Amino acid sequence: MLMTKVVNVMTISVETKPSKRAVNLRVDAKMLDEAKALDINLSATLEQALATTLKAQREAKWIEEHKPAMEALNKFVQKNGLWSDGMRYF
């Protein structure tokens, strides 16, 4: 994460690393052995997979939370059309 702080006229950029925490996990032994043999960075792999999963979960939660508003907008557009309907020629 890159943080930028403006001090008077000078800009100072400081690279900060996210805090890390040690965790204990249970992983299939054969998969772990193969990953080690292939020199796969388990921490980086988990972080990448977790980031992907978190993003998908946040998106699903956002859609669920905003579903009533999206349905209301769709209903409004079906009833009233779009403001630009008379301007399109395709």
C-alpha atoms as a PDB file:
ATOM      1  CA  MET A   1       0.000   0.000   0.000  1.00  0.00           C
ATOM      2  CA  LEU A   2       1.442   3.363  -0.985  1.00  0.00           C
ATOM      3  CA  MET A   3       0.681   6.255   1.350  1.00  0.00           C
ATOM      4  CA  THR A   4       1.347   9.816   0.286  1.00  0.00           C
ATOM      5  CA  LYS A   5       1.590  12.685   2.715  1.00  0.00           C
ATOM      6  CA  VAL A   6       1.826  16.301   1.614  1.00  0.00           C
ATOM      7  CA  VAL A   7       3.988  18.476   3.846  1.00  0.00           C
ATOM      8  CA  ASN A   8       3.915  22.153   2.809  1.00  0.00           C
ATOM      9  CA  VAL A   9       5.112  22.046  -0.819  1.00  0.00           C
ATOM     10  CA  MET A  10       7.015  18.774  -0.529  1.00  0.00           C
ATOM     11  CA  THR A  11       5.389  15.380  -1.152  1.00  0.00           C
ATOM     12  CA  ILE A  12       6.673  12.409   0.819  1.00  0.00           C
ATOM     13  CA  SER A  13       5.746   8.875  -0.274  1.00  0.00           C
ATOM     14  CA  VAL A  14       6.163   6.016   2.159  1.00  0.00           C
ATOM     15  CA  GLU A  15       5.685   2.360   1.225  1.00  0.00           C
ATOM     16  CA  THR A  16       3.868   0.548   4.021  1.00  0.00           C
ATOM     17  CA  LYS A  17       3.444  -3.191   4.287  1.00  0.00           C
ATOM     18  CA  PRO A  18       0.164  -4.644   5.480  1.00  0.00           C
ATOM     19  CA  SER A  19       0.411  -6.205   8.904  1.00  0.00           C
ATOM     20  CA  LYS A  20       0.792  -9.965   8.882  1.00  0.00           C
ATOM     21  CA  ARG A  21      -0.365 -12.533  11.395  1.00  0.00           C
ATOM     22  CA  ALA A  22       0.797 -16.113  11.815  1.00  0.00           C
ATOM     23  CA  VAL A  23      -1.923 -18.738  11.463  1.00  0.00           C
ATOM     24  CA  ASN A  24      -2.113 -22.508  11.738  1.00  0.00           C
ATOM     25  CA  LEU A  25      -3.818 -24.347   8.909  1.00  0.00           C
ATOM     26  CA  ARG A  26      -4.551 -27.948   8.067  1.00  0.00           C
ATOM     27  CA  VAL A  27      -3.712 -28.749   4.456  1.00  0.00           C
ATOM     28  CA  ASP A  28      -3.866 -32.001   2.532  1.00  0.00           C
ATOM     29  CA  ALA A  29      -0.408 -33.580   2.945  1.00  0.00           C
ATOM     30  CA  LYS A  30      -0.004 -34.575  -0.712  1.00  0.00           C
ATOM     31  CA  MET A  31      -0.934 -31.100  -1.902  1.00  0.00           C
ATOM     32  CA  LEU A  32       1.479 -29.532   0.570  1.00  0.00           C
ATOM     33  CA  ASP A  33       4.312 -31.831  -0.525  1.00  0.00           C
ATOM     34  CA  GLU A  34       3.675 -31.033  -4.186  1.00  0.00           C
ATOM     35  CA  ALA A  35       3.507 -27.304  -3.490  1.00  0.00           C
ATOM     36  CA  LYS A  36       6.830 -27.450  -1.633  1.00  0.00           C
ATOM     37  CA  ALA A  37       8.388 -29.464  -4.460  1.00  0.00           C
ATOM     38  CA  LEU A  38       7.229 -26.809  -6.938  1.00  0.00           C
ATOM     39  CA  ASP A  39       8.527 -24.031  -4.670  1.00  0.00           C
ATOM     40  CA  ILE A  40       5.081 -22.444  -4.324  1.00  0.00           C
ATOM     41  CA  ASN A  41       4.867 -19.626  -1.790  1.00  0.00           C
ATOM     42  CA  LEU A  42       1.972 -20.790   0.382  1.00  0.00           C
ATOM     43  CA  SER A  43       1.462 -17.440   2.109  1.00  0.00           C
ATOM     44  CA  ALA A  44       1.261 -15.535  -1.165  1.00  0.00           C
ATOM     45  CA  THR A  45      -1.008 -18.185  -2.690  1.00  0.00           C
ATOM     46  CA  LEU A  46      -3.377 -18.066   0.279  1.00  0.00           C
ATOM     47  CA  GLU A  47      -3.429 -14.255   0.279  1.00  0.00           C
ATOM     48  CA  GLN A  48      -4.232 -14.177  -3.438  1.00  0.00           C
ATOM     49  CA  ALA A  49      -6.992 -16.781  -3.117  1.00  0.00           C
ATOM     50  CA  LEU A  50      -8.383 -15.078  -0.026  1.00  0.00           C
ATOM     51  CA  ALA A  51      -8.397 -11.683  -1.754  1.00  0.00           C
ATOM     52  CA  THR A  52     -10.325 -13.181  -4.679  1.00  0.00           C
ATOM     53  CA  THR A  53     -12.834 -14.861  -2.375  1.00  0.00           C
ATOM     54  CA  LEU A  54     -13.289 -11.726  -0.255  1.00  0.00           C
ATOM     55  CA  LYS A  55     -13.885  -9.601  -3.354  1.00  0.00           C
ATOM     56  CA  ALA A  56     -16.529 -12.032  -4.621  1.00  0.00           C
ATOM     57  CA  GLN A  57     -18.231 -12.142  -1.203  1.00  0.00           C
ATOM     58  CA  ARG A  58     -18.242  -8.326  -0.916  1.00  0.00           C
ATOM     59  CA  GLU A  59     -19.749  -8.033  -4.405  1.00  0.00           C
ATOM     60  CA  ALA A  60     -22.447 -10.601  -3.610  1.00  0.00           C
ATOM     61  CA  LYS A  61     -23.250  -8.822  -0.338  1.00  0.00           C
ATOM     62  CA  TRP A  62     -23.428  -5.432  -2.106  1.00  0.00           C
ATOM     63  CA  ILE A  63     -25.780  -6.823  -4.753  1.00  0.00           C
ATOM     64  CA  GLU A  64     -28.016  -8.379  -2.107  1.00  0.00           C
ATOM     65  CA  GLU A  65     -28.091  -5.172  -0.035  1.00  0.00           C
ATOM     66  CA  HIS A  66     -28.892  -3.018  -3.076  1.00  0.00           C
ATOM     67  CA  LYS A  67     -31.293  -5.426  -4.771  1.00  0.00           C
ATOM     68  CA  PRO A  68     -34.429  -3.463  -3.787  1.00  0.00           C
ATOM     69  CA  ALA A  69     -33.003  -0.232  -5.215  1.00  0.00           C
ATOM     70  CA  MET A  70     -31.919  -1.921  -8.450  1.00  0.00           C
ATOM     71  CA  GLU A  71     -35.353  -3.531  -8.834  1.00  0.00           C
ATOM     72  CA  ALA A  72     -37.042  -0.168  -8.206  1.00  0.00           C
ATOM     73  CA  LEU A  73     -34.846   1.511 -10.824  1.00  0.00           C
ATOM     74  CA  ASN A  74     -35.549  -1.236 -13.363  1.00  0.00           C
ATOM     75  CA  LYS A  75     -39.276  -0.905 -12.697  1.00  0.00           C
ATOM     76  CA  PHE A  76     -39.066   2.889 -13.116  1.00  0.00           C
ATOM     77  CA  VAL A  77     -37.192   2.542 -16.419  1.00  0.00           C
ATOM     78  CA  GLN A  78     -39.674  -0.040 -17.712  1.00  0.00           C
ATOM     79  CA  LYS A  79     -42.549   2.297 -16.881  1.00  0.00           C
ATOM     80  CA  ASN A  80     -40.995   5.640 -17.893  1.00  0.00           C
ATOM     81  CA  GLY A  81     -38.126   4.750 -20.228  1.00  0.00           C
ATOM     82  CA  LEU A  82     -34.735   6.419 -20.214  1.00  0.00           C
ATOM     83  CA  TRP A  83     -34.252  10.159 -20.559  1.00  0.00           C
ATOM     84  CA  SER A  84     -32.114   9.521 -23.638  1.00  0.00           C
ATOM     85  CA  ASP A  85     -34.586   7.273 -25.471  1.00  0.00           C
ATOM     86  CA  GLY A  86     -35.523   9.995 -27.988  1.00  0.00           C
ATOM     87  CA  MET A  87     -31.876  10.749 -28.745  1.00  0.00           C
ATOM     88  CA  ARG A  88     -30.790   7.293 -29.891  1.00  0.00           C
ATOM     89  CA  TYR A  89     -31.044   6.327 -33.538  1.00  0.00           C
ATOM     90  CA  PHE A  90     -29.970   2.677 -33.359  1.00  0.00           C
END
